[in-house]
N, C-alpha and C. Protein backbone atom coordinates (compact mmCIF):
# COMPACT_ATOMS: atom_id res chain seq x y z
N MET A 1 0.49 3.22 1.49
CA MET A 1 0.17 3.45 2.54
C MET A 1 -1.22 2.21 2.92
N ARG A 2 -0.83 1.57 3.90
CA ARG A 2 -1.89 0.46 4.44
C ARG A 2 -3.41 1.44 4.88
N PRO A 3 -4.39 0.68 4.57
CA PRO A 3 -6.13 1.56 5.25
C PRO A 3 -5.70 1.44 6.59
N THR A 4 -6.60 2.08 7.39
CA THR A 4 -6.39 2.58 8.88
C THR A 4 -6.91 1.17 9.39
N THR A 5 -8.32 0.71 8.51
CA THR A 5 -9.07 -0.56 8.90
C THR A 5 -9.04 -1.90 7.95
N SER A 6 -8.72 -3.14 8.53
CA SER A 6 -8.41 -3.78 7.03
C SER A 6 -8.95 -5.21 7.83
N ALA A 7 -9.62 -6.26 6.94
CA ALA A 7 -9.55 -7.55 7.23
C ALA A 7 -8.74 -8.04 8.62
N SER A 8 -7.61 -7.78 8.17
CA SER A 8 -6.62 -8.48 9.35
C SER A 8 -6.44 -7.59 10.58
N ASN A 9 -7.26 -6.50 10.68
CA ASN A 9 -6.70 -5.79 12.21
C ASN A 9 -8.47 -5.61 12.43
N LEU A 10 -9.69 -6.06 11.84
CA LEU A 10 -10.67 -5.58 12.66
C LEU A 10 -11.20 -5.73 14.12
N TYR A 11 -10.29 -7.05 14.35
CA TYR A 11 -10.70 -7.57 15.91
C TYR A 11 -10.22 -6.39 16.84
N ARG A 12 -8.69 -6.08 16.39
CA ARG A 12 -8.01 -5.19 17.05
C ARG A 12 -8.95 -3.95 17.47
N ARG A 13 -8.96 -3.43 16.36
CA ARG A 13 -9.76 -2.08 16.18
C ARG A 13 -11.43 -2.21 16.87
N ALA A 14 -11.94 -3.53 16.94
CA ALA A 14 -12.95 -3.29 17.84
C ALA A 14 -12.55 -3.42 19.39
N ALA A 15 -11.69 -4.39 19.62
CA ALA A 15 -11.04 -4.03 20.64
C ALA A 15 -10.64 -3.13 21.32
N CYS A 16 -9.89 -2.17 20.61
CA CYS A 16 -8.96 -1.43 21.21
C CYS A 16 -9.28 -0.14 19.85
N PRO A 17 -10.44 0.80 19.89
CA PRO A 17 -10.51 1.60 18.94
C PRO A 17 -9.09 2.87 18.86
N GLY A 18 -8.65 3.19 20.17
CA GLY A 18 -7.57 3.94 19.97
C GLY A 18 -6.23 3.42 19.44
N SER A 19 -6.34 2.09 18.67
CA SER A 19 -5.36 1.72 18.22
C SER A 19 -4.75 2.26 16.97
N ALA A 20 -5.65 2.62 15.86
CA ALA A 20 -5.48 3.27 15.14
C ALA A 20 -5.02 4.54 15.05
N LYS A 21 -4.83 5.28 16.08
CA LYS A 21 -4.51 6.40 16.20
C LYS A 21 -3.04 6.06 16.73
N MET A 22 -2.89 5.42 17.52
CA MET A 22 -1.37 4.95 17.83
C MET A 22 -0.44 4.46 16.78
N GLU A 23 -1.19 3.81 15.81
CA GLU A 23 -0.55 3.37 14.64
C GLU A 23 -0.23 4.38 13.47
N GLU A 24 -0.90 5.15 13.46
CA GLU A 24 -0.94 6.52 12.56
C GLU A 24 0.64 6.79 12.20
N ASN A 25 1.10 6.86 11.29
CA ASN A 25 2.54 6.87 10.71
C ASN A 25 3.38 6.40 10.83
N LEU A 26 3.14 4.80 11.60
CA LEU A 26 4.16 4.07 11.71
C LEU A 26 4.67 3.48 10.43
N PRO A 27 5.92 3.38 9.81
CA PRO A 27 6.41 2.46 9.10
C PRO A 27 5.61 1.21 8.42
N GLU A 28 5.56 0.99 7.30
CA GLU A 28 4.96 -0.87 6.97
C GLU A 28 6.57 -1.32 7.14
N GLU A 29 6.08 -2.20 7.96
CA GLU A 29 7.33 -3.21 7.98
C GLU A 29 7.24 -4.59 7.07
N GLU A 30 8.12 -4.90 6.46
CA GLU A 30 8.00 -6.07 5.62
C GLU A 30 8.82 -7.15 6.34
N THR A 31 7.93 -8.36 7.03
CA THR A 31 8.36 -9.28 7.25
C THR A 31 8.18 -10.39 6.80
N LYS A 32 8.79 -11.79 7.24
CA LYS A 32 8.44 -12.92 6.55
C LYS A 32 6.99 -13.29 6.73
N GLU A 33 6.36 -12.99 7.62
CA GLU A 33 5.03 -13.33 7.94
C GLU A 33 4.29 -12.45 6.83
N ALA A 34 4.45 -11.20 6.87
CA ALA A 34 3.83 -10.14 6.25
C ALA A 34 3.83 -10.77 4.84
N ARG A 35 4.83 -11.08 4.16
CA ARG A 35 5.04 -11.58 2.73
C ARG A 35 4.21 -12.82 2.37
N GLU A 36 3.95 -13.65 3.61
CA GLU A 36 3.59 -14.95 3.78
C GLU A 36 1.93 -14.47 3.40
N GLY A 37 1.68 -13.31 4.29
CA GLY A 37 -0.09 -13.23 4.24
C GLY A 37 -0.59 -12.61 2.80
N LYS A 38 0.38 -11.90 2.29
CA LYS A 38 0.03 -10.86 1.46
C LYS A 38 -0.10 -12.06 0.05
N LEU A 39 0.96 -13.18 0.20
CA LEU A 39 0.95 -14.23 -0.70
C LEU A 39 -0.79 -15.08 -0.64
N LEU A 40 -0.91 -15.46 0.10
CA LEU A 40 -1.94 -15.95 0.88
C LEU A 40 -3.24 -15.22 0.51
N HIS A 41 -3.08 -14.14 0.68
CA HIS A 41 -4.39 -13.13 0.13
C HIS A 41 -4.45 -13.38 -1.34
N ASP A 42 -3.37 -13.07 -1.57
CA ASP A 42 -3.60 -13.22 -3.54
C ASP A 42 -3.90 -14.21 -4.00
N TYR A 43 -3.69 -15.68 -3.30
CA TYR A 43 -3.90 -16.99 -3.72
C TYR A 43 -5.30 -17.05 -3.45
N ASP A 44 -6.00 -16.39 -2.47
CA ASP A 44 -7.46 -16.63 -2.02
C ASP A 44 -7.88 -15.91 -3.00
N ALA A 45 -7.79 -14.29 -3.72
CA ALA A 45 -8.42 -13.79 -4.30
C ALA A 45 -8.59 -14.13 -5.69
N HIS A 46 -7.31 -15.08 -6.32
CA HIS A 46 -7.35 -15.67 -7.42
C HIS A 46 -7.28 -17.37 -7.44
N GLU A 47 -8.28 -17.78 -7.42
CA GLU A 47 -8.45 -19.13 -7.57
C GLU A 47 -7.97 -19.82 -8.58
N ASN A 48 -7.60 -19.29 -9.54
CA ASN A 48 -7.12 -20.13 -10.76
C ASN A 48 -5.70 -20.04 -10.99
N TYR A 49 -5.00 -19.44 -9.60
CA TYR A 49 -3.68 -19.53 -9.63
C TYR A 49 -2.82 -21.01 -9.57
N ASP A 50 -2.09 -21.57 -9.90
CA ASP A 50 -1.48 -22.73 -9.71
C ASP A 50 -0.95 -22.66 -8.18
N ARG A 51 -1.46 -23.65 -7.29
CA ARG A 51 -1.04 -23.57 -5.90
C ARG A 51 0.14 -24.51 -5.65
N ARG A 52 0.39 -25.07 -6.77
CA ARG A 52 1.39 -26.48 -6.52
C ARG A 52 2.92 -25.85 -6.02
N MET A 53 3.15 -24.71 -6.23
CA MET A 53 4.13 -23.74 -5.68
C MET A 53 4.29 -23.82 -4.38
N LEU A 54 3.09 -23.52 -3.87
CA LEU A 54 2.92 -23.39 -2.23
C LEU A 54 3.27 -24.42 -1.37
N THR A 55 3.52 -24.59 -0.14
CA THR A 55 3.91 -25.67 0.76
C THR A 55 2.43 -26.25 0.99
N PRO A 56 2.50 -27.43 1.42
CA PRO A 56 1.49 -27.87 1.84
C PRO A 56 0.78 -27.42 3.08
N ALA A 57 1.75 -26.81 4.29
CA ALA A 57 0.50 -25.76 4.98
C ALA A 57 0.15 -24.70 4.34
N GLN A 58 0.69 -24.15 3.44
CA GLN A 58 -0.22 -22.62 2.73
C GLN A 58 -1.21 -23.33 2.01
N ARG A 59 -1.35 -24.60 1.55
CA ARG A 59 -2.27 -24.84 0.70
C ARG A 59 -3.39 -25.53 1.77
N ASP A 60 -3.14 -26.16 2.99
CA ASP A 60 -4.25 -26.30 3.95
C ASP A 60 -4.70 -25.23 4.76
N LEU A 61 -3.75 -24.06 4.65
CA LEU A 61 -4.41 -22.91 5.12
C LEU A 61 -5.63 -21.99 4.39
N LEU A 62 -5.61 -22.54 3.00
CA LEU A 62 -5.92 -21.85 2.13
C LEU A 62 -7.58 -22.48 1.88
N ARG A 63 -7.13 -23.81 2.30
CA ARG A 63 -8.61 -24.69 2.14
C ARG A 63 -9.23 -24.76 3.57
N ILE A 64 -8.69 -24.09 4.62
CA ILE A 64 -9.13 -23.88 5.72
C ILE A 64 -10.11 -22.90 5.49
N ASN A 65 -9.55 -21.82 5.34
CA ASN A 65 -10.03 -20.55 5.15
C ASN A 65 -11.59 -20.51 4.14
N GLU A 66 -11.28 -21.27 2.89
CA GLU A 66 -12.36 -21.38 2.22
C GLU A 66 -13.52 -22.26 2.84
N ARG A 67 -13.52 -23.18 3.65
CA ARG A 67 -14.28 -24.01 4.75
C ARG A 67 -14.93 -22.87 5.82
N CYS A 68 -14.10 -22.26 6.02
CA CYS A 68 -14.27 -21.36 7.50
C CYS A 68 -15.40 -20.47 6.74
N LEU A 69 -15.01 -19.82 5.71
CA LEU A 69 -15.98 -18.80 4.99
C LEU A 69 -17.28 -19.50 4.36
N GLN A 70 -17.39 -20.37 3.94
CA GLN A 70 -18.57 -21.09 3.53
C GLN A 70 -19.32 -21.23 4.48
N THR A 71 -18.83 -22.01 5.84
CA THR A 71 -19.77 -22.12 6.89
C THR A 71 -20.61 -20.75 7.62
N ILE A 72 -19.52 -19.83 7.42
CA ILE A 72 -20.25 -18.45 7.68
C ILE A 72 -21.07 -17.95 6.83
N LEU A 73 -20.99 -18.15 5.42
CA LEU A 73 -22.10 -17.55 4.54
C LEU A 73 -23.14 -18.51 4.59
N ASP A 74 -22.99 -20.02 4.67
CA ASP A 74 -24.07 -20.52 5.10
C ASP A 74 -25.08 -20.43 6.11
N VAL A 75 -24.31 -20.05 7.23
CA VAL A 75 -24.92 -19.50 8.61
C VAL A 75 -25.92 -18.16 7.98
N ILE A 76 -25.54 -17.41 7.40
CA ILE A 76 -26.05 -16.20 7.30
C ILE A 76 -26.65 -15.88 5.96
N GLY A 77 -26.47 -17.23 5.46
CA GLY A 77 -27.60 -17.48 4.09
C GLY A 77 -27.21 -16.49 2.85
N LEU A 78 -25.97 -16.56 2.86
CA LEU A 78 -25.28 -15.96 1.55
C LEU A 78 -24.59 -16.51 0.88
N PRO A 79 -24.62 -16.66 -0.86
CA PRO A 79 -24.13 -17.65 -1.63
C PRO A 79 -22.41 -17.36 -1.67
N LEU A 80 -21.67 -18.27 -1.74
CA LEU A 80 -20.25 -18.07 -1.97
C LEU A 80 -20.20 -17.88 -3.68
N GLU A 81 -19.77 -16.44 -3.68
CA GLU A 81 -19.41 -15.75 -5.15
C GLU A 81 -17.95 -16.17 -5.36
């Protein structure tokens, strides 16, 4: 069962607080996009994983994510751990 609020749906929750109630008890759908998202989340959490098996686009997304995170942390004055 997925959490009511996650990093992936924070914007939706802020824009529409009632969306959590509407999504309650909906089945988890396993789509190609969901599988890729889980894969990229896993690679993002484990920098030591060998990224050669990822597509160039997936590796680019991870690099962009890292740069965006670093920019945000620089702005708010927190180190990247």
